[in-house]
Structure formats: structure tokens, C-alpha cells
Amino acid sequence: MSSRLRVSLAAWAFVAAGIGPATADPRGLWQATDGSRVRIANCGKALCGTMVSAATPSDPATGRSWTDKNNPDPTKRSRPLIGVMVLISMQPSGPGKWSGTLYDNDRGLTLPGHLTEEDAATIRVEGCMGALCGGEDMTRVSEPPRPSGARPKPADKRGGNP
């Protein structure tokens, strides 16, 4: 069998097995440069990221726990920021890259974006609004080992309604 045919068969085997082009694994806990943390986990066939902690325990403007105060939906502005999905339905879109929707809770914006694995300890999350694009690096946070048989909490499966 020619090596070209073997490569083609191997590629088809990956497709048939449901393995997409993104082969890295960004699932886990990540810290942004401001100190806030996001947990990336499976949500259906995609990846989603949920806020698990803010940079500070309380909002300096109110002295209370952080809320989703910038959400364009007034009914969601009083909900706790912890638990809000900020990476929504991220699908493999290339080697070490996932694309989907981002929720920028600082501005209350939902926009297209992507996540790229820079290395095993760093991901870059970028979003674009029109021709303007920006992003930030996040660093993997080591987590203590889970007790035997414990499983991580799955991401919210309700979908992307930031």
C-alpha cells in the first residue's frame, strides 16, 4: 500500500471517529491576566467556558459580588457573574484552534471569536467586532487531584445565551 493511500485512510479514520482538526486539549481551568478564571469543558460536541471566579471577590463600584451588570438584557443584569458562559459552542477549526462565540462581560457584547492553544500552558482567546480584533492570553491553572471516581462538573448545556 502506498504511503499516500495510508495517510488518506488514516485521515478518513479520524473523520469517521469524530476527531476534528483541533487535536490539543484546552479543557481545564484558565486564568486571565486580570486574575479572573474560566473553566473550559465539553458542552455537547463543542467546548464552552464558564466564569468560575472574578479578579476580585467584589465589584468595587457596588461593594457586592460581581453581577452581569453590562448584559444588554436587563433581566440578566442582576445574575451572578460566576457561572456565566463566556466561551460558547467553540468548535474545532484547525490544529489547536476552536471557533465560536465569545461573551465579553465587561462590555455586554457577544461576538465571534476563537481560542488558540499557544502551548500546553497558554491559550489565546480573541474576538472581533467588525474589523477590530483583540484578545488576551490565559494561563492554565493547576488543580488539585480529584478524589478517586470524582468527575469534573460539565459545562452548562443550555447553549449560548450570555
N, C-alpha and C. Protein backbone atom coordinates (compact mmCIF):
# COMPACT_ATOMS: atom_id res chain seq x y z
N MET A 1 0.85 -1.16 0.00
CA MET A 1 0.00 0.00 0.00
C MET A 1 0.90 1.23 0.00
N SER A 2 0.58 2.23 -0.82
CA SER A 2 1.42 3.42 -0.89
C SER A 2 1.26 4.26 0.37
N SER A 3 2.28 5.07 0.68
CA SER A 3 2.22 5.90 1.89
C SER A 3 1.12 6.96 1.74
N ARG A 4 0.88 7.40 0.52
CA ARG A 4 -0.18 8.40 0.29
C ARG A 4 -1.55 7.81 0.61
N LEU A 5 -1.76 6.57 0.22
CA LEU A 5 -3.03 5.91 0.50
C LEU A 5 -3.18 5.68 1.99
N ARG A 6 -2.08 5.31 2.67
CA ARG A 6 -2.15 5.12 4.12
C ARG A 6 -2.52 6.41 4.83
N VAL A 7 -1.95 7.55 4.41
CA VAL A 7 -2.27 8.85 5.01
C VAL A 7 -3.74 9.17 4.78
N SER A 8 -4.23 8.92 3.57
CA SER A 8 -5.64 9.19 3.28
C SER A 8 -6.55 8.32 4.13
N LEU A 9 -6.21 7.03 4.26
CA LEU A 9 -7.02 6.14 5.08
C LEU A 9 -6.99 6.57 6.54
N ALA A 10 -5.83 6.99 7.02
CA ALA A 10 -5.73 7.45 8.40
C ALA A 10 -6.58 8.69 8.61
N ALA A 11 -6.56 9.62 7.66
CA ALA A 11 -7.38 10.84 7.76
C ALA A 11 -8.86 10.48 7.80
N TRP A 12 -9.28 9.56 6.96
CA TRP A 12 -10.69 9.14 6.96
C TRP A 12 -11.05 8.43 8.26
N ALA A 13 -10.12 7.70 8.83
CA ALA A 13 -10.38 7.03 10.11
C ALA A 13 -10.62 8.06 11.21
N PHE A 14 -9.83 9.14 11.21
CA PHE A 14 -10.05 10.20 12.21
C PHE A 14 -11.40 10.87 12.02
N VAL A 15 -11.77 11.14 10.77
CA VAL A 15 -13.07 11.75 10.49
C VAL A 15 -14.19 10.82 10.94
N ALA A 16 -14.08 9.54 10.61
CA ALA A 16 -15.11 8.58 10.99
C ALA A 16 -15.21 8.44 12.51
N ALA A 17 -14.10 8.62 13.20
CA ALA A 17 -14.11 8.51 14.65
C ALA A 17 -14.60 9.80 15.31
N GLY A 18 -14.85 10.85 14.51
CA GLY A 18 -15.34 12.10 15.06
C GLY A 18 -14.24 12.98 15.61
N ILE A 19 -13.01 12.74 15.24
CA ILE A 19 -11.91 13.55 15.71
C ILE A 19 -11.68 14.66 14.71
N GLY A 20 -11.86 15.91 15.16
CA GLY A 20 -11.73 17.06 14.29
C GLY A 20 -10.28 17.49 14.16
N PRO A 21 -10.06 18.60 13.46
CA PRO A 21 -8.71 19.06 13.21
C PRO A 21 -8.00 19.61 14.44
N ALA A 22 -8.72 20.06 15.47
CA ALA A 22 -8.06 20.57 16.67
C ALA A 22 -7.71 19.39 17.56
N THR A 23 -6.43 19.14 17.75
CA THR A 23 -6.01 17.96 18.49
C THR A 23 -5.52 18.27 19.90
N ALA A 24 -5.34 19.53 20.24
CA ALA A 24 -4.92 19.90 21.59
C ALA A 24 -6.12 19.75 22.53
N ASP A 25 -5.90 19.92 23.82
CA ASP A 25 -6.99 19.79 24.77
C ASP A 25 -7.00 20.98 25.72
N PRO A 26 -7.81 22.00 25.41
CA PRO A 26 -7.85 23.17 26.28
C PRO A 26 -8.80 23.03 27.47
N ARG A 27 -9.37 21.83 27.66
CA ARG A 27 -10.27 21.67 28.80
C ARG A 27 -9.49 21.84 30.10
N GLY A 28 -10.11 22.51 31.06
CA GLY A 28 -9.48 22.73 32.35
C GLY A 28 -9.72 24.14 32.83
N LEU A 29 -8.93 24.55 33.82
CA LEU A 29 -9.08 25.85 34.45
C LEU A 29 -8.01 26.80 33.93
N TRP A 30 -8.44 28.02 33.54
CA TRP A 30 -7.54 29.00 32.95
C TRP A 30 -7.68 30.34 33.66
N GLN A 31 -6.56 31.04 33.80
CA GLN A 31 -6.57 32.34 34.46
C GLN A 31 -6.20 33.43 33.46
N ALA A 32 -7.03 34.49 33.45
CA ALA A 32 -6.77 35.65 32.60
C ALA A 32 -5.74 36.55 33.28
N THR A 33 -5.23 37.51 32.55
CA THR A 33 -4.21 38.40 33.10
C THR A 33 -4.74 39.22 34.27
N ASP A 34 -6.04 39.47 34.34
CA ASP A 34 -6.60 40.23 35.46
C ASP A 34 -6.85 39.37 36.70
N GLY A 35 -6.63 38.06 36.60
CA GLY A 35 -6.82 37.16 37.73
C GLY A 35 -8.14 36.40 37.72
N SER A 36 -9.06 36.76 36.83
CA SER A 36 -10.32 36.01 36.74
C SER A 36 -10.04 34.63 36.15
N ARG A 37 -10.93 33.69 36.44
CA ARG A 37 -10.72 32.31 35.98
C ARG A 37 -11.93 31.78 35.24
N VAL A 38 -11.64 30.98 34.21
CA VAL A 38 -12.65 30.36 33.35
C VAL A 38 -12.37 28.87 33.28
N ARG A 39 -13.43 28.08 33.43
CA ARG A 39 -13.29 26.63 33.27
C ARG A 39 -13.82 26.25 31.89
N ILE A 40 -12.98 25.58 31.11
CA ILE A 40 -13.37 25.11 29.78
C ILE A 40 -13.70 23.63 29.90
N ALA A 41 -14.87 23.26 29.40
CA ALA A 41 -15.34 21.88 29.49
C ALA A 41 -16.17 21.55 28.25
N ASN A 42 -16.46 20.28 28.08
CA ASN A 42 -17.34 19.86 26.99
C ASN A 42 -18.74 20.40 27.21
N CYS A 43 -19.37 20.80 26.12
CA CYS A 43 -20.81 21.12 26.16
C CYS A 43 -21.38 20.57 24.86
N GLY A 44 -21.92 19.39 24.93
CA GLY A 44 -22.33 18.69 23.72
C GLY A 44 -21.08 18.30 22.95
N LYS A 45 -21.05 18.58 21.66
CA LYS A 45 -19.88 18.25 20.83
C LYS A 45 -18.90 19.40 20.74
N ALA A 46 -19.15 20.46 21.49
CA ALA A 46 -18.29 21.64 21.46
C ALA A 46 -17.60 21.81 22.80
N LEU A 47 -16.86 22.92 22.92
CA LEU A 47 -16.27 23.32 24.19
C LEU A 47 -16.91 24.65 24.59
N CYS A 48 -17.10 24.82 25.90
CA CYS A 48 -17.63 26.07 26.43
C CYS A 48 -16.80 26.46 27.63
N GLY A 49 -16.76 27.75 27.90
CA GLY A 49 -16.02 28.25 29.05
C GLY A 49 -16.93 29.05 29.96
N THR A 50 -16.87 28.76 31.25
CA THR A 50 -17.73 29.39 32.23
C THR A 50 -16.89 30.11 33.28
N MET A 51 -17.30 31.32 33.65
CA MET A 51 -16.61 32.08 34.69
C MET A 51 -16.70 31.32 36.01
N VAL A 52 -15.56 31.09 36.65
CA VAL A 52 -15.58 30.43 37.95
C VAL A 52 -15.10 31.36 39.07
N SER A 53 -14.41 32.43 38.71
CA SER A 53 -14.05 33.44 39.71
C SER A 53 -13.72 34.74 39.00
N ALA A 54 -13.99 35.84 39.69
CA ALA A 54 -13.68 37.16 39.17
C ALA A 54 -12.30 37.57 39.68
N ALA A 55 -11.78 38.67 39.14
CA ALA A 55 -10.45 39.14 39.54
C ALA A 55 -10.42 39.54 41.01
N THR A 56 -11.51 40.08 41.49
CA THR A 56 -11.64 40.44 42.90
C THR A 56 -12.96 39.87 43.41
N PRO A 57 -13.07 39.61 44.71
CA PRO A 57 -14.30 38.99 45.22
C PRO A 57 -15.54 39.88 45.07
N SER A 58 -15.34 41.20 45.08
CA SER A 58 -16.50 42.08 44.97
C SER A 58 -16.25 43.18 43.95
N ASP A 59 -17.34 43.69 43.42
CA ASP A 59 -17.32 44.77 42.44
C ASP A 59 -17.00 46.07 43.18
N PRO A 60 -15.89 46.73 42.85
CA PRO A 60 -15.53 47.96 43.56
C PRO A 60 -16.60 49.04 43.47
N ALA A 61 -17.40 49.04 42.41
CA ALA A 61 -18.43 50.06 42.23
C ALA A 61 -19.60 49.88 43.20
N THR A 62 -19.85 48.62 43.61
CA THR A 62 -21.01 48.36 44.47
C THR A 62 -20.64 47.79 45.84
N GLY A 63 -19.45 47.21 45.94
CA GLY A 63 -19.05 46.55 47.18
C GLY A 63 -19.70 45.19 47.35
N ARG A 64 -20.46 44.75 46.35
CA ARG A 64 -21.14 43.45 46.40
C ARG A 64 -20.50 42.49 45.40
N SER A 65 -20.95 41.24 45.44
CA SER A 65 -20.47 40.25 44.46
C SER A 65 -20.73 40.75 43.05
N TRP A 66 -19.86 40.33 42.14
CA TRP A 66 -19.98 40.72 40.74
C TRP A 66 -21.28 40.19 40.14
N THR A 67 -21.89 41.01 39.32
CA THR A 67 -23.07 40.59 38.56
C THR A 67 -22.80 40.86 37.08
N ASP A 68 -23.67 40.35 36.25
CA ASP A 68 -23.57 40.53 34.80
C ASP A 68 -24.19 41.88 34.43
N LYS A 69 -23.74 42.95 35.10
CA LYS A 69 -24.35 44.27 35.03
C LYS A 69 -24.32 44.93 33.66
N ASN A 70 -23.47 44.47 32.75
CA ASN A 70 -23.39 45.08 31.43
C ASN A 70 -24.16 44.31 30.37
N ASN A 71 -24.87 43.27 30.77
CA ASN A 71 -25.63 42.45 29.81
C ASN A 71 -26.68 43.33 29.14
N PRO A 72 -26.82 43.21 27.80
CA PRO A 72 -27.84 44.02 27.11
C PRO A 72 -29.28 43.64 27.51
N ASP A 73 -29.46 42.46 28.08
CA ASP A 73 -30.79 42.03 28.53
C ASP A 73 -30.96 42.47 29.99
N PRO A 74 -31.82 43.44 30.25
CA PRO A 74 -31.98 43.95 31.61
C PRO A 74 -32.35 42.87 32.63
N THR A 75 -33.01 41.80 32.21
CA THR A 75 -33.41 40.74 33.15
C THR A 75 -32.22 39.92 33.62
N LYS A 76 -31.06 40.02 32.93
CA LYS A 76 -29.87 39.24 33.30
C LYS A 76 -28.82 40.06 34.05
N ARG A 77 -29.05 41.34 34.21
CA ARG A 77 -28.02 42.20 34.81
C ARG A 77 -27.77 41.95 36.28
N SER A 78 -28.72 41.36 36.97
CA SER A 78 -28.53 41.12 38.40
C SER A 78 -28.05 39.70 38.70
N ARG A 79 -27.93 38.86 37.66
CA ARG A 79 -27.47 37.49 37.92
C ARG A 79 -25.98 37.50 38.26
N PRO A 80 -25.56 36.56 39.10
CA PRO A 80 -24.12 36.48 39.44
C PRO A 80 -23.27 36.25 38.20
N LEU A 81 -22.13 36.90 38.15
CA LEU A 81 -21.21 36.72 37.03
C LEU A 81 -20.59 35.33 37.06
N ILE A 82 -20.38 34.79 38.26
CA ILE A 82 -19.85 33.44 38.38
C ILE A 82 -20.90 32.48 37.82
N GLY A 83 -20.49 31.66 36.87
CA GLY A 83 -21.40 30.72 36.23
C GLY A 83 -21.85 31.16 34.85
N VAL A 84 -21.54 32.41 34.46
CA VAL A 84 -21.93 32.88 33.14
C VAL A 84 -20.98 32.28 32.09
N MET A 85 -21.58 31.79 31.00
CA MET A 85 -20.79 31.21 29.92
C MET A 85 -20.18 32.34 29.09
N VAL A 86 -18.85 32.32 28.94
CA VAL A 86 -18.15 33.36 28.20
C VAL A 86 -17.51 32.83 26.90
N LEU A 87 -17.31 31.53 26.80
CA LEU A 87 -16.87 30.87 25.56
C LEU A 87 -18.01 29.93 25.19
N ILE A 88 -18.61 30.17 24.04
CA ILE A 88 -19.86 29.49 23.70
C ILE A 88 -19.69 28.66 22.43
N SER A 89 -19.99 27.38 22.53
CA SER A 89 -20.00 26.47 21.36
C SER A 89 -18.74 26.58 20.52
N MET A 90 -17.59 26.44 21.13
CA MET A 90 -16.32 26.51 20.42
C MET A 90 -16.09 25.18 19.70
N GLN A 91 -16.02 25.23 18.38
CA GLN A 91 -15.86 24.05 17.54
C GLN A 91 -14.45 24.00 16.96
N PRO A 92 -13.88 22.80 16.79
CA PRO A 92 -12.55 22.71 16.16
C PRO A 92 -12.55 23.39 14.80
N SER A 93 -11.52 24.22 14.55
CA SER A 93 -11.44 24.92 13.27
C SER A 93 -10.03 24.90 12.68
N GLY A 94 -9.16 24.07 13.23
CA GLY A 94 -7.80 23.95 12.74
C GLY A 94 -6.96 23.32 13.83
N PRO A 95 -5.70 23.04 13.54
CA PRO A 95 -4.84 22.44 14.56
C PRO A 95 -4.68 23.36 15.76
N GLY A 96 -5.12 22.91 16.93
CA GLY A 96 -5.02 23.70 18.15
C GLY A 96 -5.88 24.94 18.16
N LYS A 97 -6.97 24.95 17.36
CA LYS A 97 -7.81 26.15 17.27
C LYS A 97 -9.28 25.77 17.30
N TRP A 98 -10.08 26.58 18.02
CA TRP A 98 -11.52 26.40 18.10
C TRP A 98 -12.17 27.74 17.82
N SER A 99 -13.30 27.74 17.13
CA SER A 99 -14.01 28.97 16.82
C SER A 99 -15.45 28.87 17.29
N GLY A 100 -15.99 29.98 17.71
CA GLY A 100 -17.37 30.02 18.19
C GLY A 100 -17.75 31.43 18.57
N THR A 101 -18.40 31.56 19.71
CA THR A 101 -18.90 32.85 20.16
C THR A 101 -18.29 33.17 21.52
N LEU A 102 -17.97 34.45 21.70
CA LEU A 102 -17.44 34.92 22.97
C LEU A 102 -18.44 35.90 23.58
N TYR A 103 -18.54 35.89 24.89
CA TYR A 103 -19.33 36.90 25.59
C TYR A 103 -18.36 37.75 26.39
N ASP A 104 -18.28 39.03 26.04
CA ASP A 104 -17.43 39.99 26.73
C ASP A 104 -18.27 40.63 27.83
N ASN A 105 -18.15 40.12 29.05
CA ASN A 105 -18.99 40.61 30.14
C ASN A 105 -18.63 42.03 30.56
N ASP A 106 -17.43 42.51 30.22
CA ASP A 106 -17.05 43.89 30.55
C ASP A 106 -17.86 44.89 29.71
N ARG A 107 -18.22 44.51 28.50
CA ARG A 107 -18.96 45.39 27.60
C ARG A 107 -20.38 44.90 27.30
N GLY A 108 -20.70 43.70 27.74
CA GLY A 108 -22.02 43.14 27.45
C GLY A 108 -22.19 42.78 25.99
N LEU A 109 -21.10 42.39 25.34
CA LEU A 109 -21.14 42.08 23.91
C LEU A 109 -20.96 40.60 23.65
N THR A 110 -21.69 40.08 22.68
CA THR A 110 -21.50 38.72 22.18
C THR A 110 -20.92 38.87 20.78
N LEU A 111 -19.78 38.22 20.53
CA LEU A 111 -19.12 38.39 19.23
C LEU A 111 -18.43 37.11 18.80
N PRO A 112 -18.18 37.00 17.50
CA PRO A 112 -17.45 35.81 17.02
C PRO A 112 -16.01 35.85 17.52
N GLY A 113 -15.47 34.66 17.77
CA GLY A 113 -14.10 34.63 18.23
C GLY A 113 -13.52 33.24 18.15
N HIS A 114 -12.29 33.13 18.60
CA HIS A 114 -11.64 31.83 18.59
C HIS A 114 -10.67 31.71 19.76
N LEU A 115 -10.32 30.49 20.00
CA LEU A 115 -9.39 30.10 21.06
C LEU A 115 -8.27 29.35 20.35
N THR A 116 -7.04 29.71 20.65
CA THR A 116 -5.88 29.05 20.04
C THR A 116 -4.94 28.59 21.15
N GLU A 117 -4.51 27.33 21.06
CA GLU A 117 -3.53 26.85 22.03
C GLU A 117 -2.15 27.32 21.59
N GLU A 118 -1.54 28.16 22.44
CA GLU A 118 -0.19 28.65 22.17
C GLU A 118 0.84 27.58 22.55
N ASP A 119 0.63 26.97 23.72
CA ASP A 119 1.44 25.84 24.20
C ASP A 119 0.60 25.16 25.27
N ALA A 120 1.14 24.13 25.91
CA ALA A 120 0.35 23.35 26.87
C ALA A 120 -0.15 24.18 28.04
N ALA A 121 0.51 25.32 28.34
CA ALA A 121 0.14 26.13 29.49
C ALA A 121 -0.51 27.46 29.12
N THR A 122 -0.66 27.74 27.82
CA THR A 122 -1.18 29.05 27.40
C THR A 122 -2.16 28.91 26.25
N ILE A 123 -3.30 29.59 26.38
CA ILE A 123 -4.24 29.72 25.26
C ILE A 123 -4.42 31.21 24.99
N ARG A 124 -4.83 31.51 23.78
CA ARG A 124 -5.15 32.89 23.42
C ARG A 124 -6.61 32.91 23.01
N VAL A 125 -7.37 33.82 23.59
CA VAL A 125 -8.78 34.00 23.26
C VAL A 125 -8.88 35.34 22.55
N GLU A 126 -9.42 35.31 21.31
CA GLU A 126 -9.54 36.53 20.51
C GLU A 126 -10.94 36.67 19.96
N GLY A 127 -11.39 37.90 19.91
CA GLY A 127 -12.69 38.20 19.33
C GLY A 127 -12.59 39.40 18.41
N CYS A 128 -13.55 39.50 17.50
CA CYS A 128 -13.56 40.60 16.55
C CYS A 128 -14.93 41.28 16.54
N MET A 129 -14.90 42.60 16.44
CA MET A 129 -16.10 43.38 16.27
C MET A 129 -15.86 44.23 15.02
N GLY A 130 -16.46 43.79 13.92
CA GLY A 130 -16.15 44.43 12.65
C GLY A 130 -14.71 44.12 12.28
N ALA A 131 -13.96 45.16 11.92
CA ALA A 131 -12.56 44.99 11.54
C ALA A 131 -11.62 45.05 12.74
N LEU A 132 -12.15 45.39 13.91
CA LEU A 132 -11.31 45.49 15.10
C LEU A 132 -11.28 44.16 15.84
N CYS A 133 -10.07 43.68 16.07
CA CYS A 133 -9.89 42.40 16.78
C CYS A 133 -8.96 42.61 17.97
N GLY A 134 -9.18 41.83 18.99
CA GLY A 134 -8.32 41.89 20.16
C GLY A 134 -8.44 40.61 20.94
N GLY A 135 -7.56 40.43 21.88
CA GLY A 135 -7.62 39.21 22.66
C GLY A 135 -6.66 39.25 23.82
N GLU A 136 -6.61 38.14 24.52
CA GLU A 136 -5.68 38.03 25.64
C GLU A 136 -5.26 36.58 25.82
N ASP A 137 -4.08 36.44 26.41
CA ASP A 137 -3.57 35.12 26.75
C ASP A 137 -4.13 34.71 28.10
N MET A 138 -4.34 33.43 28.26
CA MET A 138 -4.76 32.87 29.55
C MET A 138 -3.80 31.74 29.89
N THR A 139 -3.55 31.56 31.17
CA THR A 139 -2.60 30.58 31.64
C THR A 139 -3.32 29.44 32.35
N ARG A 140 -2.91 28.21 32.04
CA ARG A 140 -3.52 27.05 32.69
C ARG A 140 -3.20 27.07 34.18
N VAL A 141 -4.22 26.76 34.98
CA VAL A 141 -4.08 26.72 36.43
C VAL A 141 -4.07 25.26 36.86
N SER A 142 -3.07 24.90 37.65
CA SER A 142 -3.02 23.52 38.17
C SER A 142 -4.14 23.35 39.19
N GLU A 143 -4.79 22.22 39.11
CA GLU A 143 -5.85 21.92 40.05
C GLU A 143 -5.42 20.75 40.91
N PRO A 144 -5.87 20.74 42.16
CA PRO A 144 -5.53 19.59 43.00
C PRO A 144 -6.17 18.33 42.42
N PRO A 145 -5.56 17.18 42.63
CA PRO A 145 -6.14 15.94 42.10
C PRO A 145 -7.55 15.73 42.67
N ARG A 146 -8.42 15.18 41.83
CA ARG A 146 -9.79 14.88 42.26
C ARG A 146 -9.79 13.56 43.02
N PRO A 147 -10.70 13.44 43.98
CA PRO A 147 -10.82 12.15 44.66
C PRO A 147 -11.16 11.06 43.65
N SER A 148 -10.75 9.86 43.94
CA SER A 148 -11.00 8.74 43.05
C SER A 148 -12.48 8.65 42.70
N GLY A 149 -12.77 8.57 41.42
CA GLY A 149 -14.15 8.44 40.96
C GLY A 149 -14.86 9.77 40.77
N ALA A 150 -14.28 10.89 41.23
CA ALA A 150 -14.93 12.19 41.07
C ALA A 150 -14.77 12.65 39.63
N ARG A 151 -15.80 13.28 39.11
CA ARG A 151 -15.76 13.78 37.74
C ARG A 151 -15.92 15.29 37.76
N PRO A 152 -15.32 15.99 36.81
CA PRO A 152 -15.50 17.44 36.76
C PRO A 152 -16.94 17.78 36.41
N LYS A 153 -17.39 18.92 36.90
CA LYS A 153 -18.74 19.38 36.59
C LYS A 153 -18.80 19.77 35.12
N PRO A 154 -19.76 19.24 34.34
CA PRO A 154 -19.84 19.59 32.93
C PRO A 154 -20.30 21.03 32.75
N ALA A 155 -19.99 21.60 31.60
CA ALA A 155 -20.45 22.95 31.30
C ALA A 155 -21.96 22.93 31.12
N ASP A 156 -22.54 24.09 31.28
CA ASP A 156 -23.97 24.27 31.10
C ASP A 156 -24.35 23.88 29.69
N LYS A 157 -25.33 23.02 29.51
CA LYS A 157 -25.72 22.55 28.18
C LYS A 157 -26.86 23.33 27.58
N ARG A 158 -27.24 24.45 28.25
CA ARG A 158 -28.37 25.24 27.74
C ARG A 158 -28.00 26.01 26.50
N GLY A 159 -26.75 26.07 26.16
CA GLY A 159 -26.36 26.77 24.94
C GLY A 159 -25.90 28.18 25.23
N GLY A 160 -25.74 28.94 24.18
CA GLY A 160 -25.11 30.24 24.29
C GLY A 160 -26.04 31.41 24.46
N ASN A 161 -26.59 31.60 25.62
CA ASN A 161 -27.39 32.77 25.92
C ASN A 161 -26.73 33.54 27.06
N PRO A 162 -25.70 34.31 26.71
CA PRO A 162 -24.99 35.03 27.78
C PRO A 162 -25.87 36.03 28.47
